Amino acid sequence: MVRPLLHNDLPWNVRKFVHNQLGEVNLSSDLGRIDPWAKSDWSHTDIPRLRAGLVGAQISIIVLRTM
């Protein structure tokens, strides 16, 4: 079975728009209708859209090079 590739821009936009202050974002709302999210060409992810796409979980992996 082929699974679609998921690109989640929500973490980047939380950093960009509200300077990592996650409490400033209503994740239950349609961010596509709220400024500054609505004006961004790169803001395509919010909880309602993830649910509509049947996304149940997301795992992020960060690899840091140590010296």
PDB file of N, CA and C in Angstrom:
ATOM      1  N   MET A   1       0.839  -1.172   0.000  1.00  0.00           N
ATOM      2  CA  MET A   1       0.000   0.000   0.000  1.00  0.00           C
ATOM      3  C   MET A   1       0.895   1.250   0.000  1.00  0.00           C
ATOM      4  N   VAL A   2       0.603   2.175  -0.853  1.00  0.00           N
ATOM      5  CA  VAL A   2       1.364   3.416  -0.937  1.00  0.00           C
ATOM      6  C   VAL A   2       0.740   4.448  -0.006  1.00  0.00           C
ATOM      7  N   ARG A   3       1.575   5.064   0.822  1.00  0.00           N
ATOM      8  CA  ARG A   3       1.118   6.104   1.736  1.00  0.00           C
ATOM      9  C   ARG A   3       1.511   7.470   1.177  1.00  0.00           C
ATOM     10  N   PRO A   4       0.638   8.458   1.320  1.00  0.00           N
ATOM     11  CA  PRO A   4       0.999   9.791   0.825  1.00  0.00           C
ATOM     12  C   PRO A   4       2.093  10.418   1.674  1.00  0.00           C
ATOM     13  N   LEU A   5       2.905  11.229   1.052  1.00  0.00           N
ATOM     14  CA  LEU A   5       3.941  11.964   1.755  1.00  0.00           C
ATOM     15  C   LEU A   5       3.293  13.136   2.480  1.00  0.00           C
ATOM     16  N   LEU A   6       3.567  13.266   3.750  1.00  0.00           N
ATOM     17  CA  LEU A   6       2.984  14.338   4.544  1.00  0.00           C
ATOM     18  C   LEU A   6       4.038  15.392   4.830  1.00  0.00           C
ATOM     19  N   HIS A   7       3.732  16.596   4.455  1.00  0.00           N
ATOM     20  CA  HIS A   7       4.598  17.727   4.794  1.00  0.00           C
ATOM     21  C   HIS A   7       3.833  18.585   5.793  1.00  0.00           C
ATOM     22  N   ASN A   8       4.373  18.735   6.969  1.00  0.00           N
ATOM     23  CA  ASN A   8       3.712  19.519   8.009  1.00  0.00           C
ATOM     24  C   ASN A   8       4.498  20.805   8.231  1.00  0.00           C
ATOM     25  N   ASP A   9       3.913  21.913   7.827  1.00  0.00           N
ATOM     26  CA  ASP A   9       4.565  23.210   7.972  1.00  0.00           C
ATOM     27  C   ASP A   9       4.166  23.920   9.263  1.00  0.00           C
ATOM     28  N   LEU A  10       3.335  23.296  10.081  1.00  0.00           N
ATOM     29  CA  LEU A  10       2.865  23.946  11.299  1.00  0.00           C
ATOM     30  C   LEU A  10       3.999  24.324  12.252  1.00  0.00           C
ATOM     31  N   PRO A  11       4.962  23.429  12.560  1.00  0.00           N
ATOM     32  CA  PRO A  11       6.037  23.832  13.480  1.00  0.00           C
ATOM     33  C   PRO A  11       6.836  25.037  12.980  1.00  0.00           C
ATOM     34  N   TRP A  12       7.154  25.060  11.699  1.00  0.00           N
ATOM     35  CA  TRP A  12       7.912  26.192  11.149  1.00  0.00           C
ATOM     36  C   TRP A  12       7.111  27.486  11.270  1.00  0.00           C
ATOM     37  N   ASN A  13       5.820  27.430  10.977  1.00  0.00           N
ATOM     38  CA  ASN A  13       4.999  28.643  11.034  1.00  0.00           C
ATOM     39  C   ASN A  13       4.755  29.115  12.460  1.00  0.00           C
ATOM     40  N   VAL A  14       4.700  28.202  13.413  1.00  0.00           N
ATOM     41  CA  VAL A  14       4.609  28.621  14.819  1.00  0.00           C
ATOM     42  C   VAL A  14       5.872  29.396  15.184  1.00  0.00           C
ATOM     43  N   ARG A  15       7.007  28.908  14.723  1.00  0.00           N
ATOM     44  CA  ARG A  15       8.269  29.627  14.973  1.00  0.00           C
ATOM     45  C   ARG A  15       8.270  30.985  14.279  1.00  0.00           C
ATOM     46  N   LYS A  16       7.860  31.007  13.033  1.00  0.00           N
ATOM     47  CA  LYS A  16       7.915  32.218  12.219  1.00  0.00           C
ATOM     48  C   LYS A  16       6.907  33.279  12.668  1.00  0.00           C
ATOM     49  N   PHE A  17       5.678  32.893  12.911  1.00  0.00           N
ATOM     50  CA  PHE A  17       4.620  33.864  13.169  1.00  0.00           C
ATOM     51  C   PHE A  17       4.478  34.262  14.634  1.00  0.00           C
ATOM     52  N   VAL A  18       4.682  33.321  15.542  1.00  0.00           N
ATOM     53  CA  VAL A  18       4.469  33.634  16.967  1.00  0.00           C
ATOM     54  C   VAL A  18       5.702  33.360  17.812  1.00  0.00           C
ATOM     55  N   HIS A  19       6.852  33.241  17.171  1.00  0.00           N
ATOM     56  CA  HIS A  19       8.150  33.109  17.845  1.00  0.00           C
ATOM     57  C   HIS A  19       8.159  31.990  18.894  1.00  0.00           C
ATOM     58  N   ASN A  20       7.650  30.832  18.473  1.00  0.00           N
ATOM     59  CA  ASN A  20       7.608  29.606  19.286  1.00  0.00           C
ATOM     60  C   ASN A  20       6.680  29.686  20.494  1.00  0.00           C
ATOM     61  N   GLN A  21       5.814  30.667  20.550  1.00  0.00           N
ATOM     62  CA  GLN A  21       4.852  30.784  21.649  1.00  0.00           C
ATOM     63  C   GLN A  21       3.593  30.000  21.275  1.00  0.00           C
ATOM     64  N   LEU A  22       3.648  28.702  21.449  1.00  0.00           N
ATOM     65  CA  LEU A  22       2.570  27.818  21.016  1.00  0.00           C
ATOM     66  C   LEU A  22       1.232  28.170  21.652  1.00  0.00           C
ATOM     67  N   GLY A  23       1.248  28.712  22.852  1.00  0.00           N
ATOM     68  CA  GLY A  23       0.013  29.105  23.525  1.00  0.00           C
ATOM     69  C   GLY A  23      -0.739  30.219  22.809  1.00  0.00           C
ATOM     70  N   GLU A  24      -0.063  30.897  21.882  1.00  0.00           N
ATOM     71  CA  GLU A  24      -0.692  31.982  21.127  1.00  0.00           C
ATOM     72  C   GLU A  24      -1.509  31.477  19.942  1.00  0.00           C
ATOM     73  N   VAL A  25      -1.463  30.173  19.688  1.00  0.00           N
ATOM     74  CA  VAL A  25      -2.107  29.603  18.507  1.00  0.00           C
ATOM     75  C   VAL A  25      -3.295  28.753  18.936  1.00  0.00           C
ATOM     76  N   ASN A  26      -4.453  29.016  18.355  1.00  0.00           N
ATOM     77  CA  ASN A  26      -5.620  28.183  18.594  1.00  0.00           C
ATOM     78  C   ASN A  26      -5.573  27.036  17.585  1.00  0.00           C
ATOM     79  N   LEU A  27      -5.036  25.906  17.994  1.00  0.00           N
ATOM     80  CA  LEU A  27      -4.826  24.789  17.087  1.00  0.00           C
ATOM     81  C   LEU A  27      -6.125  24.133  16.630  1.00  0.00           C
ATOM     82  N   SER A  28      -7.220  24.442  17.289  1.00  0.00           N
ATOM     83  CA  SER A  28      -8.501  23.865  16.886  1.00  0.00           C
ATOM     84  C   SER A  28      -9.189  24.673  15.792  1.00  0.00           C
ATOM     85  N   SER A  29      -8.662  25.843  15.496  1.00  0.00           N
ATOM     86  CA  SER A  29      -9.291  26.690  14.487  1.00  0.00           C
ATOM     87  C   SER A  29      -8.712  26.426  13.106  1.00  0.00           C
ATOM     88  N   ASP A  30      -9.413  26.884  12.102  1.00  0.00           N
ATOM     89  CA  ASP A  30      -8.944  26.803  10.723  1.00  0.00           C
ATOM     90  C   ASP A  30      -7.972  27.954  10.505  1.00  0.00           C
ATOM     91  N   LEU A  31      -6.686  27.675  10.598  1.00  0.00           N
ATOM     92  CA  LEU A  31      -5.677  28.725  10.502  1.00  0.00           C
ATOM     93  C   LEU A  31      -5.645  29.363   9.119  1.00  0.00           C
ATOM     94  N   GLY A  32      -6.244  28.730   8.145  1.00  0.00           N
ATOM     95  CA  GLY A  32      -6.325  29.300   6.805  1.00  0.00           C
ATOM     96  C   GLY A  32      -7.210  30.528   6.731  1.00  0.00           C
ATOM     97  N   ARG A  33      -7.920  30.820   7.811  1.00  0.00           N
ATOM     98  CA  ARG A  33      -8.822  31.986   7.847  1.00  0.00           C
ATOM     99  C   ARG A  33      -8.373  33.047   8.841  1.00  0.00           C
ATOM    100  N   ILE A  34      -7.227  32.828   9.486  1.00  0.00           N
ATOM    101  CA  ILE A  34      -6.763  33.732  10.536  1.00  0.00           C
ATOM    102  C   ILE A  34      -5.410  34.324  10.135  1.00  0.00           C
ATOM    103  N   ASP A  35      -5.303  35.651  10.211  1.00  0.00           N
ATOM    104  CA  ASP A  35      -4.014  36.296   9.924  1.00  0.00           C
ATOM    105  C   ASP A  35      -3.048  36.050  11.066  1.00  0.00           C
ATOM    106  N   PRO A  36      -1.784  35.896  10.831  1.00  0.00           N
ATOM    107  CA  PRO A  36      -1.058  35.985   9.558  1.00  0.00           C
ATOM    108  C   PRO A  36      -1.045  34.677   8.775  1.00  0.00           C
ATOM    109  N   TRP A  37      -1.607  33.638   9.337  1.00  0.00           N
ATOM    110  CA  TRP A  37      -1.584  32.318   8.696  1.00  0.00           C
ATOM    111  C   TRP A  37      -2.268  32.352   7.325  1.00  0.00           C
ATOM    112  N   ALA A  38      -3.379  33.067   7.239  1.00  0.00           N
ATOM    113  CA  ALA A  38      -4.161  33.093   6.002  1.00  0.00           C
ATOM    114  C   ALA A  38      -3.401  33.750   4.854  1.00  0.00           C
ATOM    115  N   LYS A  39      -2.512  34.665   5.152  1.00  0.00           N
ATOM    116  CA  LYS A  39      -1.771  35.379   4.112  1.00  0.00           C
ATOM    117  C   LYS A  39      -0.525  34.633   3.652  1.00  0.00           C
ATOM    118  N   SER A  40      -0.169  33.578   4.338  1.00  0.00           N
ATOM    119  CA  SER A  40       1.060  32.849   4.030  1.00  0.00           C
ATOM    120  C   SER A  40       0.828  31.813   2.938  1.00  0.00           C
ATOM    121  N   ASP A  41       1.733  31.773   1.979  1.00  0.00           N
ATOM    122  CA  ASP A  41       1.695  30.727   0.952  1.00  0.00           C
ATOM    123  C   ASP A  41       2.198  29.395   1.497  1.00  0.00           C
ATOM    124  N   TRP A  42       2.793  29.418   2.694  1.00  0.00           N
ATOM    125  CA  TRP A  42       3.414  28.230   3.259  1.00  0.00           C
ATOM    126  C   TRP A  42       2.664  27.682   4.472  1.00  0.00           C
ATOM    127  N   SER A  43       1.449  28.142   4.692  1.00  0.00           N
ATOM    128  CA  SER A  43       0.694  27.684   5.858  1.00  0.00           C
ATOM    129  C   SER A  43      -0.463  26.804   5.402  1.00  0.00           C
ATOM    130  N   HIS A  44      -0.231  25.496   5.391  1.00  0.00           N
ATOM    131  CA  HIS A  44      -1.238  24.566   4.904  1.00  0.00           C
ATOM    132  C   HIS A  44      -1.658  23.538   5.940  1.00  0.00           C
ATOM    133  N   THR A  45      -1.173  23.674   7.161  1.00  0.00           N
ATOM    134  CA  THR A  45      -1.433  22.645   8.156  1.00  0.00           C
ATOM    135  C   THR A  45      -2.051  23.234   9.411  1.00  0.00           C
ATOM    136  N   ASP A  46      -3.130  22.634   9.857  1.00  0.00           N
ATOM    137  CA  ASP A  46      -3.722  22.909  11.154  1.00  0.00           C
ATOM    138  C   ASP A  46      -4.445  21.628  11.581  1.00  0.00           C
ATOM    139  N   ILE A  47      -4.903  21.592  12.798  1.00  0.00           N
ATOM    140  CA  ILE A  47      -5.512  20.363  13.325  1.00  0.00           C
ATOM    141  C   ILE A  47      -6.740  19.935  12.520  1.00  0.00           C
ATOM    142  N   PRO A  48      -7.663  20.839  12.156  1.00  0.00           N
ATOM    143  CA  PRO A  48      -8.804  20.388  11.343  1.00  0.00           C
ATOM    144  C   PRO A  48      -8.380  19.746  10.014  1.00  0.00           C
ATOM    145  N   ARG A  49      -7.359  20.274   9.370  1.00  0.00           N
ATOM    146  CA  ARG A  49      -6.901  19.681   8.108  1.00  0.00           C
ATOM    147  C   ARG A  49      -6.208  18.344   8.334  1.00  0.00           C
ATOM    148  N   LEU A  50      -5.454  18.224   9.431  1.00  0.00           N
ATOM    149  CA  LEU A  50      -4.833  16.931   9.740  1.00  0.00           C
ATOM    150  C   LEU A  50      -5.907  15.877  10.005  1.00  0.00           C
ATOM    151  N   ARG A  51      -6.943  16.250  10.735  1.00  0.00           N
ATOM    152  CA  ARG A  51      -8.044  15.300  10.990  1.00  0.00           C
ATOM    153  C   ARG A  51      -8.767  14.934   9.708  1.00  0.00           C
ATOM    154  N   ALA A  52      -9.024  15.923   8.855  1.00  0.00           N
ATOM    155  CA  ALA A  52      -9.705  15.659   7.582  1.00  0.00           C
ATOM    156  C   ALA A  52      -8.891  14.708   6.709  1.00  0.00           C
ATOM    157  N   GLY A  53      -7.564  14.793   6.824  1.00  0.00           N
ATOM    158  CA  GLY A  53      -6.681  13.910   6.065  1.00  0.00           C
ATOM    159  C   GLY A  53      -6.432  12.575   6.748  1.00  0.00           C
ATOM    160  N   LEU A  54      -7.129  12.350   7.859  1.00  0.00           N
ATOM    161  CA  LEU A  54      -7.034  11.109   8.628  1.00  0.00           C
ATOM    162  C   LEU A  54      -5.632  10.864   9.186  1.00  0.00           C
ATOM    163  N   VAL A  55      -4.919  11.935   9.509  1.00  0.00           N
ATOM    164  CA  VAL A  55      -3.609  11.816  10.135  1.00  0.00           C
ATOM    165  C   VAL A  55      -3.834  11.590  11.625  1.00  0.00           C
ATOM    166  N   GLY A  56      -3.375  10.471  12.119  1.00  0.00           N
ATOM    167  CA  GLY A  56      -3.577  10.133  13.515  1.00  0.00           C
ATOM    168  C   GLY A  56      -2.394  10.458  14.402  1.00  0.00           C
ATOM    169  N   ALA A  57      -1.206  10.542  13.809  1.00  0.00           N
ATOM    170  CA  ALA A  57      -0.002  10.823  14.577  1.00  0.00           C
ATOM    171  C   ALA A  57       1.081  11.340  13.641  1.00  0.00           C
ATOM    172  N   GLN A  58       2.016  12.037  14.235  1.00  0.00           N
ATOM    173  CA  GLN A  58       3.176  12.486  13.478  1.00  0.00           C
ATOM    174  C   GLN A  58       4.399  12.303  14.343  1.00  0.00           C
ATOM    175  N   ILE A  59       5.452  11.830  13.740  1.00  0.00           N
ATOM    176  CA  ILE A  59       6.714  11.644  14.449  1.00  0.00           C
ATOM    177  C   ILE A  59       7.755  12.506  13.751  1.00  0.00           C
ATOM    178  N   SER A  60       8.452  13.289  14.523  1.00  0.00           N
ATOM    179  CA  SER A  60       9.526  14.121  13.981  1.00  0.00           C
ATOM    180  C   SER A  60      10.849  13.634  14.541  1.00  0.00           C
ATOM    181  N   ILE A  61      11.826  13.576  13.695  1.00  0.00           N
ATOM    182  CA  ILE A  61      13.160  13.153  14.097  1.00  0.00           C
ATOM    183  C   ILE A  61      14.128  14.265  13.750  1.00  0.00           C
ATOM    184  N   ILE A  62      14.939  14.623  14.711  1.00  0.00           N
ATOM    185  CA  ILE A  62      15.951  15.647  14.502  1.00  0.00           C
ATOM    186  C   ILE A  62      17.307  15.011  14.754  1.00  0.00           C
ATOM    187  N   VAL A  63      18.199  15.177  13.806  1.00  0.00           N
ATOM    188  CA  VAL A  63      19.546  14.637  13.938  1.00  0.00           C
ATOM    189  C   VAL A  63      20.499  15.822  14.089  1.00  0.00           C
ATOM    190  N   LEU A  64      21.242  15.824  15.184  1.00  0.00           N
ATOM    191  CA  LEU A  64      22.234  16.875  15.430  1.00  0.00           C
ATOM    192  C   LEU A  64      23.623  16.279  15.369  1.00  0.00           C
ATOM    193  N   ARG A  65      24.487  16.946  14.681  1.00  0.00           N
ATOM    194  CA  ARG A  65      25.867  16.492  14.606  1.00  0.00           C
ATOM    195  C   ARG A  65      26.605  16.988  15.835  1.00  0.00           C
ATOM    196  N   THR A  66      27.314  16.109  16.482  1.00  0.00           N
ATOM    197  CA  THR A  66      28.094  16.507  17.650  1.00  0.00           C
ATOM    198  C   THR A  66      29.548  16.630  17.260  1.00  0.00           C
ATOM    199  N   MET A  67      30.242  17.482  17.952  1.00  0.00           N
ATOM    200  CA  MET A  67      31.658  17.697  17.627  1.00  0.00           C
ATOM    201  C   MET A  67      32.522  16.891  18.558  1.00  0.00           C
TER     202      MET A  67
END
